[in-house]
Amino acid sequence: MTSKTKNKTSEKKEKKNSASSTKDIKDKAVKKITPKDEKPIKKSLSEPQTMEELLAQSDYQFHGVKRGDFIEGNVRSISGREILIDIGAKTEGIVQDKELPYIKDFISQLKPGDKVSCYVVSPENDEGQVVLSLRKASSEQKWKAIYDAQKENSVIDVKGIEVNKGGLIVEYRDLHGFVPASQIDLSHGTDLTDLINKTLQVRVVEIDRKNNRLIFSEKAIFSEAQKENLEKILKKVKIGDSCKGKVSGVVPFGVFVSLTAPIEVKGMEGLVHISEIAWEKVTSPGDYYKVGDTVEVMILGVEEKTGKLNLSIKKLLPDPWASIAKMYQRDQTVKGKVTRVTPYGVFIEIEKGIEGLLHVSKIPAGREFQSGELIECMVELVDPEKHRISLSLLPTEKPMGYR
């Protein structure tokens, strides 16, 4: 083969290879990549793989709430129409305007950023917000203030709202409490209706949250100076001493007396309890005394917390029971007037200051008594020390074996 022929052959091969290479390139360029040909892309381990991981990385806390749940949140804004609270849900919780008048005191102390406890009224309203109530939180705060006041023996302000038979119903930050008449200072006078809508300073005496019961006392506000003064006075007078005074108040449970003599106790005030007015049963102190009456009393003791004296009128009067054993004997027939009818028997006054009990077990079935009725009875037992006489009805039939 000549040299010329070799060169031609070599050129043909090169052209063939070149064409083949160009064809391959074109084929690769137009070849479609099918899913089968795809290779999986390796994901970074730091990227979230699920929605939970995504929420975790974003610090987003989703709360599923239902009616009746108690949850905590932070106050976002306060206006006259609503309170918005961040509870960590997709939208803010809302305290609607209709609740705001009931928690005015509580709202006045709130500010944006404060943490509060909320009650879920509805998981979602028309705008997708969780409807909340702060009345529970408001109530908790009020009760805490009451407990703190009792623990610290501090003075709080209450407002009179209503008078009942036993005293004054008052209001403390929307909570209702009671000041017994015996715990209201007599400087206000005896007409408690004058205290309606007025502010009193009191101390907490009793708390029973389960029964929603609060008892306050105005008289319990007893300063250290008053206590020292009382101690000095009590060194000069003794339990059992008699004093003179004037009736300063008459209440259903007794009589208040302002002492006038001796000079050591002048100006001090005490209570004669209804049981210490007379030896007989007293149902109405007003039947015995009125404001301004002069009385003589005995000092029985002192209330250390209030500085008020416990007094007695009857202890300075003759005790009719002292000679009762000589006056009445067993099986003696007596006449008396029915004074009280109770579930356990009938009380019969056989003379002024002396009552006997006709026990229910001694009363025949169907027999009824009326207050003021006069009846004859028989004495069964006399106990002067316990101030007790037991009575029975006179027999209406002759006993068996009687001749």
Protein backbone atom coordinates (compact mmCIF):
# COMPACT_ATOMS: atom_id res chain seq x y z
CA MET A 1 0.00 0.00 0.00
CA THR A 2 1.34 3.31 -1.03
CA SER A 3 1.84 6.20 1.29
CA LYS A 4 -0.88 8.16 -0.41
CA THR A 5 -3.38 5.37 0.10
CA LYS A 6 -2.54 5.14 3.85
CA ASN A 7 -3.19 8.81 4.36
CA LYS A 8 -6.62 8.60 2.74
CA THR A 9 -7.56 5.64 4.88
CA SER A 10 -6.46 7.47 8.04
CA GLU A 11 -8.50 10.53 7.12
CA LYS A 12 -11.66 8.41 6.67
CA LYS A 13 -11.26 6.86 10.13
CA GLU A 14 -10.84 10.22 11.78
CA LYS A 15 -13.98 11.57 10.06
CA LYS A 16 -15.92 8.48 11.16
CA ASN A 17 -14.81 8.83 14.80
CA SER A 18 -15.56 12.50 14.76
CA ALA A 19 -19.07 11.91 13.42
CA SER A 20 -19.67 9.21 16.02
CA SER A 21 -18.59 11.54 18.81
CA THR A 22 -20.86 14.35 17.57
CA LYS A 23 -23.81 11.94 17.39
CA ASP A 24 -23.23 10.81 20.99
CA ILE A 25 -23.19 14.41 22.15
CA LYS A 26 -26.41 15.17 20.32
CA ASP A 27 -28.07 12.05 21.73
CA LYS A 28 -27.12 12.98 25.26
CA ALA A 29 -28.40 16.49 24.75
CA VAL A 30 -31.87 15.36 23.66
CA LYS A 31 -32.15 12.29 25.88
CA LYS A 32 -34.96 12.68 28.46
CA ILE A 33 -34.21 11.96 32.05
CA THR A 34 -36.88 9.63 33.38
CA PRO A 35 -37.81 9.14 37.07
CA LYS A 36 -36.11 5.80 36.81
CA ASP A 37 -32.90 7.49 35.92
CA GLU A 38 -33.16 10.07 38.77
CA LYS A 39 -30.89 9.68 41.71
CA PRO A 40 -32.25 10.59 45.22
CA ILE A 41 -31.04 13.90 46.60
CA LYS A 42 -29.46 13.47 49.99
CA LYS A 43 -31.12 15.83 52.53
CA SER A 44 -29.22 17.66 55.17
CA LEU A 45 -29.69 16.26 58.66
CA SER A 46 -30.26 19.79 59.99
CA GLU A 47 -33.38 20.37 57.90
CA PRO A 48 -36.82 19.59 59.55
CA GLN A 49 -38.42 16.43 58.17
CA THR A 50 -41.94 16.79 59.71
CA MET A 51 -44.38 19.56 60.69
CA GLU A 52 -43.70 18.87 64.37
CA GLU A 53 -39.96 19.38 63.80
CA LEU A 54 -40.66 22.57 61.87
CA LEU A 55 -42.79 23.94 64.74
CA ALA A 56 -40.17 22.88 67.26
CA GLN A 57 -37.44 24.77 65.35
CA SER A 58 -39.60 27.88 65.13
CA ASP A 59 -40.41 27.87 68.89
CA TYR A 60 -44.11 27.94 68.00
CA GLN A 61 -46.27 26.35 70.67
CA PHE A 62 -49.70 25.21 69.54
CA HIS A 63 -52.33 24.74 72.19
CA GLY A 64 -55.49 22.81 71.54
CA VAL A 65 -58.02 24.13 74.05
CA LYS A 66 -61.59 23.24 74.91
CA ARG A 67 -64.36 24.89 76.85
CA GLY A 68 -63.77 24.72 80.60
CA ASP A 69 -59.95 24.61 80.41
CA PHE A 70 -57.85 26.87 82.61
CA ILE A 71 -54.78 28.22 80.82
CA GLU A 72 -52.17 30.89 81.40
CA GLY A 73 -51.21 33.70 79.09
CA ASN A 74 -49.62 37.13 78.88
CA VAL A 75 -51.65 40.29 78.48
CA ARG A 76 -51.00 41.88 75.06
CA SER A 77 -53.33 44.86 75.17
CA ILE A 78 -56.14 46.39 77.25
CA SER A 79 -58.89 48.64 75.96
CA GLY A 80 -62.42 49.62 76.86
CA ARG A 81 -63.76 47.05 74.39
CA GLU A 82 -61.56 44.01 74.97
CA ILE A 83 -58.46 42.48 76.49
CA LEU A 84 -56.16 40.49 74.20
CA ILE A 85 -54.08 37.71 75.76
CA ASP A 86 -51.26 35.71 74.18
CA ILE A 87 -51.93 32.08 75.06
CA GLY A 88 -49.49 30.55 72.53
CA ALA A 89 -52.21 29.57 70.06
CA LYS A 90 -52.49 30.51 66.37
CA THR A 91 -54.46 33.61 67.38
CA GLU A 92 -54.67 35.68 70.54
CA GLY A 93 -57.32 34.97 73.14
CA ILE A 94 -59.92 37.65 73.81
CA VAL A 95 -61.81 38.78 76.90
CA GLN A 96 -64.95 40.38 75.51
CA ASP A 97 -66.46 43.71 76.54
CA LYS A 98 -69.52 42.15 78.24
CA GLU A 99 -67.30 40.74 81.02
CA LEU A 100 -65.26 43.89 81.66
CA PRO A 101 -67.75 45.63 84.02
CA TYR A 102 -67.55 42.66 86.42
CA ILE A 103 -63.76 42.81 86.76
CA LYS A 104 -63.12 46.56 86.88
CA ASP A 105 -60.99 46.36 90.04
CA PHE A 106 -58.93 43.54 88.56
CA ILE A 107 -58.41 45.32 85.23
CA SER A 108 -57.28 48.50 86.97
CA GLN A 109 -54.23 46.61 88.23
CA LEU A 110 -53.39 44.87 84.93
CA LYS A 111 -50.81 46.02 82.40
CA PRO A 112 -49.42 44.56 79.15
CA GLY A 113 -47.00 41.74 79.86
CA ASP A 114 -48.71 40.56 83.05
CA LYS A 115 -49.25 36.83 83.36
CA VAL A 116 -52.85 35.81 84.07
CA SER A 117 -54.91 32.66 84.51
CA CYS A 118 -57.86 32.39 82.11
CA TYR A 119 -60.96 30.25 81.75
CA VAL A 120 -61.81 29.08 78.22
CA VAL A 121 -65.38 30.13 77.39
CA SER A 122 -65.22 29.06 73.73
CA PRO A 123 -62.35 27.49 71.72
CA GLU A 124 -63.11 29.73 68.75
CA ASN A 125 -65.39 32.63 67.85
CA ASP A 126 -66.36 33.89 64.38
CA GLU A 127 -62.96 35.54 64.01
CA GLY A 128 -61.03 32.45 65.04
CA GLN A 129 -60.11 33.79 68.49
CA VAL A 130 -60.27 31.83 71.73
CA VAL A 131 -62.88 33.48 73.99
CA LEU A 132 -61.56 33.79 77.56
CA SER A 133 -62.81 34.84 80.99
CA LEU A 134 -60.77 36.55 83.70
CA ARG A 135 -63.45 36.45 86.38
CA LYS A 136 -61.86 33.36 87.95
CA ALA A 137 -58.49 35.11 88.13
CA SER A 138 -60.17 38.21 89.53
CA SER A 139 -61.91 36.14 92.21
CA GLU A 140 -58.66 34.38 93.14
CA GLN A 141 -56.96 37.74 93.60
CA LYS A 142 -59.74 39.04 95.84
CA TRP A 143 -59.73 35.96 98.06
CA LYS A 144 -55.95 36.12 98.31
CA ALA A 145 -56.22 39.72 99.49
CA ILE A 146 -58.75 38.64 102.13
CA TYR A 147 -56.51 35.82 103.38
CA ASP A 148 -53.50 38.16 103.46
CA ALA A 149 -55.49 40.73 105.45
CA GLN A 150 -56.47 38.10 108.01
CA LYS A 151 -52.94 36.73 108.26
CA GLU A 152 -51.41 40.18 108.72
CA ASN A 153 -54.30 41.42 110.90
CA SER A 154 -54.50 44.46 108.65
CA VAL A 155 -57.37 46.92 108.25
CA ILE A 156 -59.42 46.93 105.03
CA ASP A 157 -62.22 49.14 103.71
CA VAL A 158 -65.71 47.74 103.09
CA LYS A 159 -68.93 49.41 101.95
CA GLY A 160 -72.32 48.87 103.57
CA ILE A 161 -74.93 47.62 101.10
CA GLU A 162 -77.80 46.11 103.12
CA VAL A 163 -79.10 45.71 106.67
CA ASN A 164 -80.58 42.50 108.03
CA LYS A 165 -81.73 41.32 111.45
CA GLY A 166 -78.25 40.49 112.72
CA GLY A 167 -76.15 43.30 111.33
CA LEU A 168 -74.75 44.86 108.16
CA ILE A 169 -74.01 43.18 104.82
CA VAL A 170 -70.94 44.78 103.24
CA GLU A 171 -69.01 44.59 100.00
CA TYR A 172 -65.27 44.15 99.57
CA ARG A 173 -64.15 44.30 95.93
CA ASP A 174 -67.36 42.60 94.72
CA LEU A 175 -67.21 39.98 97.51
CA HIS A 176 -70.03 40.14 100.04
CA GLY A 177 -69.36 39.82 103.76
CA PHE A 178 -71.11 40.43 107.06
CA VAL A 179 -70.46 42.69 110.05
CA PRO A 180 -72.53 41.53 113.05
CA ALA A 181 -74.25 44.35 114.93
CA SER A 182 -72.13 43.48 117.95
CA GLN A 183 -69.02 44.28 115.93
CA ILE A 184 -70.13 47.71 114.71
CA ASP A 185 -68.90 50.69 116.71
CA LEU A 186 -71.76 52.41 118.54
CA SER A 187 -70.45 55.82 117.48
CA HIS A 188 -72.48 55.25 114.30
CA GLY A 189 -75.71 55.13 116.28
CA THR A 190 -78.22 52.32 116.53
CA ASP A 191 -79.82 52.77 113.10
CA LEU A 192 -77.63 50.63 110.83
CA THR A 193 -79.41 51.83 107.70
CA ASP A 194 -77.31 55.00 108.04
CA LEU A 195 -74.29 52.88 107.09
CA ILE A 196 -75.61 51.86 103.65
CA ASN A 197 -73.23 53.15 100.93
CA LYS A 198 -70.79 54.28 103.62
CA THR A 199 -67.24 52.99 104.03
CA LEU A 200 -66.18 51.18 107.21
CA GLN A 201 -62.72 50.14 108.28
CA VAL A 202 -62.73 46.56 109.52
CA ARG A 203 -60.59 43.55 110.25
CA VAL A 204 -61.22 40.03 108.95
CA VAL A 205 -62.61 37.75 111.67
CA GLU A 206 -63.64 34.60 109.79
CA ILE A 207 -63.20 33.16 106.29
CA ASP A 208 -65.17 30.20 104.94
CA ARG A 209 -64.61 30.22 101.21
CA LYS A 210 -66.41 26.93 100.63
CA ASN A 211 -69.65 28.47 101.91
CA ASN A 212 -68.78 31.95 100.61
CA ARG A 213 -68.82 33.29 104.17
CA LEU A 214 -66.86 36.36 105.31
CA ILE A 215 -67.18 37.90 108.77
CA PHE A 216 -65.70 41.32 109.55
CA SER A 217 -65.41 43.39 112.70
CA GLU A 218 -65.13 47.13 113.09
CA LYS A 219 -64.60 46.87 116.84
CA ALA A 220 -61.62 44.57 116.31
CA ILE A 221 -59.58 47.60 115.29
CA PHE A 222 -57.88 47.98 118.60
CA SER A 223 -54.72 50.06 118.70
CA GLU A 224 -51.70 49.36 120.86
CA ALA A 225 -52.30 52.65 122.68
CA GLN A 226 -55.85 51.55 123.55
CA LYS A 227 -54.51 48.19 124.69
CA GLU A 228 -52.00 49.82 127.02
CA ASN A 229 -54.71 52.11 128.37
CA LEU A 230 -57.00 49.15 128.99
CA GLU A 231 -54.27 47.30 130.86
CA LYS A 232 -53.81 50.31 133.15
CA ILE A 233 -57.54 50.51 133.79
CA LEU A 234 -57.85 46.81 134.56
CA LYS A 235 -55.14 47.15 137.19
CA LYS A 236 -57.43 49.56 139.02
CA VAL A 237 -60.67 47.59 138.66
CA LYS A 238 -61.23 43.89 139.20
CA ILE A 239 -63.49 41.23 137.78
CA GLY A 240 -66.60 41.29 139.99
CA ASP A 241 -66.47 45.02 140.66
CA SER A 242 -69.69 46.97 140.18
CA CYS A 243 -69.87 50.13 138.10
CA LYS A 244 -72.46 52.67 137.05
CA GLY A 245 -73.26 53.62 133.50
CA LYS A 246 -75.79 54.68 130.90
CA VAL A 247 -77.35 52.55 128.19
CA SER A 248 -75.74 53.65 124.92
CA GLY A 249 -77.34 51.11 122.62
CA VAL A 250 -80.03 48.41 122.54
CA VAL A 251 -79.65 45.55 120.08
CA PRO A 252 -81.40 42.17 119.69
CA PHE A 253 -78.60 40.35 121.49
CA GLY A 254 -78.11 42.70 124.45
CA VAL A 255 -77.51 46.18 125.79
CA PHE A 256 -74.42 48.37 125.41
CA VAL A 257 -73.45 50.43 128.43
CA SER A 258 -71.07 53.39 128.61
CA LEU A 259 -69.55 53.46 132.08
CA THR A 260 -69.67 56.67 134.12
CA ALA A 261 -68.27 55.59 137.51
CA PRO A 262 -65.89 54.93 139.11
CA ILE A 263 -63.63 57.45 137.45
CA GLU A 264 -61.12 54.73 136.47
CA VAL A 265 -63.51 53.26 133.90
CA LYS A 266 -65.31 56.42 132.84
CA GLY A 267 -65.91 56.41 129.09
CA MET A 268 -65.30 52.71 128.64
CA GLU A 269 -68.00 50.68 126.95
CA GLY A 270 -69.26 47.18 127.63
CA LEU A 271 -71.94 44.74 126.55
CA VAL A 272 -74.60 43.24 128.76
CA HIS A 273 -75.50 40.10 126.83
CA ILE A 274 -79.19 39.23 126.63
CA SER A 275 -78.55 36.29 128.99
CA GLU A 276 -77.15 38.70 131.62
CA ILE A 277 -80.00 41.21 131.65
CA ALA A 278 -82.36 39.38 134.03
CA TRP A 279 -82.77 36.04 135.75
CA GLU A 280 -85.88 35.28 133.76
CA LYS A 281 -85.79 34.45 130.08
CA VAL A 282 -85.37 37.69 128.07
CA THR A 283 -86.60 37.67 124.49
CA SER A 284 -86.30 41.38 123.73
CA PRO A 285 -83.78 43.66 125.53
CA GLY A 286 -85.89 46.63 124.41
CA ASP A 287 -88.64 45.47 126.79
CA TYR A 288 -86.27 46.14 129.70
CA TYR A 289 -84.10 49.13 128.75
CA LYS A 290 -83.88 52.07 126.38
CA VAL A 291 -80.99 54.37 125.40
CA GLY A 292 -80.18 56.82 128.21
CA ASP A 293 -81.31 54.59 131.09
CA THR A 294 -79.02 54.56 134.12
CA VAL A 295 -77.93 51.08 135.18
CA GLU A 296 -75.59 49.38 137.59
CA VAL A 297 -73.48 46.57 136.19
CA MET A 298 -70.89 44.03 137.26
CA ILE A 299 -67.64 43.50 135.32
CA LEU A 300 -67.49 39.86 134.18
CA GLY A 301 -64.45 40.05 131.90
CA VAL A 302 -62.85 41.82 129.00
CA GLU A 303 -62.49 41.07 125.30
CA GLU A 304 -58.75 41.31 124.76
CA LYS A 305 -59.04 41.80 120.99
CA THR A 306 -61.56 44.64 121.17
CA GLY A 307 -61.01 46.15 124.60
CA LYS A 308 -64.73 45.90 125.35
CA LEU A 309 -65.97 44.83 128.75
CA ASN A 310 -68.40 41.97 129.36
CA LEU A 311 -70.98 43.15 131.85
CA SER A 312 -73.93 41.78 133.80
CA ILE A 313 -76.98 43.39 135.33
CA LYS A 314 -78.63 40.30 136.79
CA LYS A 315 -75.57 39.38 138.86
CA LEU A 316 -76.32 42.43 141.05
CA LEU A 317 -79.95 41.37 141.50
CA PRO A 318 -81.22 38.76 143.99
CA ASP A 319 -81.06 35.27 142.51
CA PRO A 320 -84.54 33.78 142.83
CA TRP A 321 -83.04 30.32 142.50
CA ALA A 322 -81.17 30.69 145.80
CA SER A 323 -84.25 29.67 147.81
CA ILE A 324 -86.03 27.68 145.14
CA ALA A 325 -85.39 24.30 146.79
CA LYS A 326 -87.31 25.47 149.88
CA MET A 327 -90.21 26.81 147.82
CA TYR A 328 -90.86 23.80 145.59
CA GLN A 329 -90.86 20.14 146.49
CA ARG A 330 -91.19 16.97 144.46
CA ASP A 331 -94.83 16.06 143.54
CA GLN A 332 -95.95 19.59 144.41
CA THR A 333 -98.76 20.96 142.22
CA VAL A 334 -98.03 24.34 140.63
CA LYS A 335 -99.77 26.69 138.24
CA GLY A 336 -97.93 28.50 135.50
CA LYS A 337 -98.05 30.31 132.17
CA VAL A 338 -96.64 28.89 128.93
CA THR A 339 -93.76 31.15 127.80
CA ARG A 340 -92.16 29.10 125.00
CA VAL A 341 -93.01 26.04 122.94
CA THR A 342 -89.93 24.26 121.55
CA PRO A 343 -89.31 20.96 119.73
CA TYR A 344 -88.01 19.44 122.97
CA GLY A 345 -90.70 20.68 125.30
CA VAL A 346 -92.75 23.51 126.78
CA PHE A 347 -91.37 26.17 129.16
CA ILE A 348 -93.74 27.25 131.90
CA GLU A 349 -93.18 30.28 134.14
CA ILE A 350 -94.34 29.36 137.63
CA GLU A 351 -93.26 32.72 139.08
CA LYS A 352 -91.30 35.74 137.85
CA GLY A 353 -87.82 34.64 136.86
CA ILE A 354 -88.55 30.94 137.44
CA GLU A 355 -89.34 28.62 134.53
CA GLY A 356 -89.86 24.90 134.53
CA LEU A 357 -89.61 22.52 131.56
CA LEU A 358 -92.38 20.15 130.58
CA HIS A 359 -90.35 17.74 128.48
CA VAL A 360 -91.79 16.50 125.20
CA SER A 361 -91.67 12.92 126.54
CA LYS A 362 -94.19 13.97 129.22
CA ILE A 363 -96.68 15.38 126.74
CA PRO A 364 -99.49 13.06 125.46
CA ALA A 365 -99.75 12.62 121.70
CA GLY A 366 -101.94 15.27 120.15
CA ARG A 367 -101.73 17.66 123.12
CA GLU A 368 -100.86 21.18 122.00
CA PHE A 369 -99.97 24.32 123.96
CA GLN A 370 -100.27 28.01 123.19
CA SER A 371 -98.01 30.79 124.44
CA GLY A 372 -99.71 32.50 127.40
CA GLU A 373 -101.87 29.48 128.24
CA LEU A 374 -102.34 28.77 131.98
CA ILE A 375 -101.90 25.16 133.06
CA GLU A 376 -101.41 23.06 136.18
CA CYS A 377 -98.34 20.86 136.50
CA MET A 378 -96.57 18.71 139.02
CA VAL A 379 -92.94 19.22 140.11
CA GLU A 380 -90.71 16.22 139.30
CA LEU A 381 -87.21 17.58 139.96
CA VAL A 382 -85.65 20.76 141.40
CA ASP A 383 -81.99 21.58 140.64
CA PRO A 384 -81.13 25.11 141.98
CA GLU A 385 -77.47 24.90 140.92
CA LYS A 386 -78.37 24.31 137.28
CA HIS A 387 -81.40 26.61 137.49
CA ARG A 388 -83.67 23.81 136.36
CA ILE A 389 -87.11 22.52 137.31
CA SER A 390 -88.62 19.51 135.59
CA LEU A 391 -92.40 19.36 135.35
CA SER A 392 -95.06 16.84 134.34
CA LEU A 393 -98.76 17.15 133.62
CA LEU A 394 -101.23 16.28 136.34
CA PRO A 395 -102.67 12.77 135.86
CA THR A 396 -106.19 12.85 134.41
CA GLU A 397 -106.99 9.22 135.27
CA LYS A 398 -106.70 7.29 138.52
CA PRO A 399 -103.62 5.04 138.54
CA MET A 400 -104.01 1.22 138.60
CA GLY A 401 -104.72 -0.10 142.10
CA TYR A 402 -106.02 3.25 143.37
CA ARG A 403 -108.88 3.00 145.97
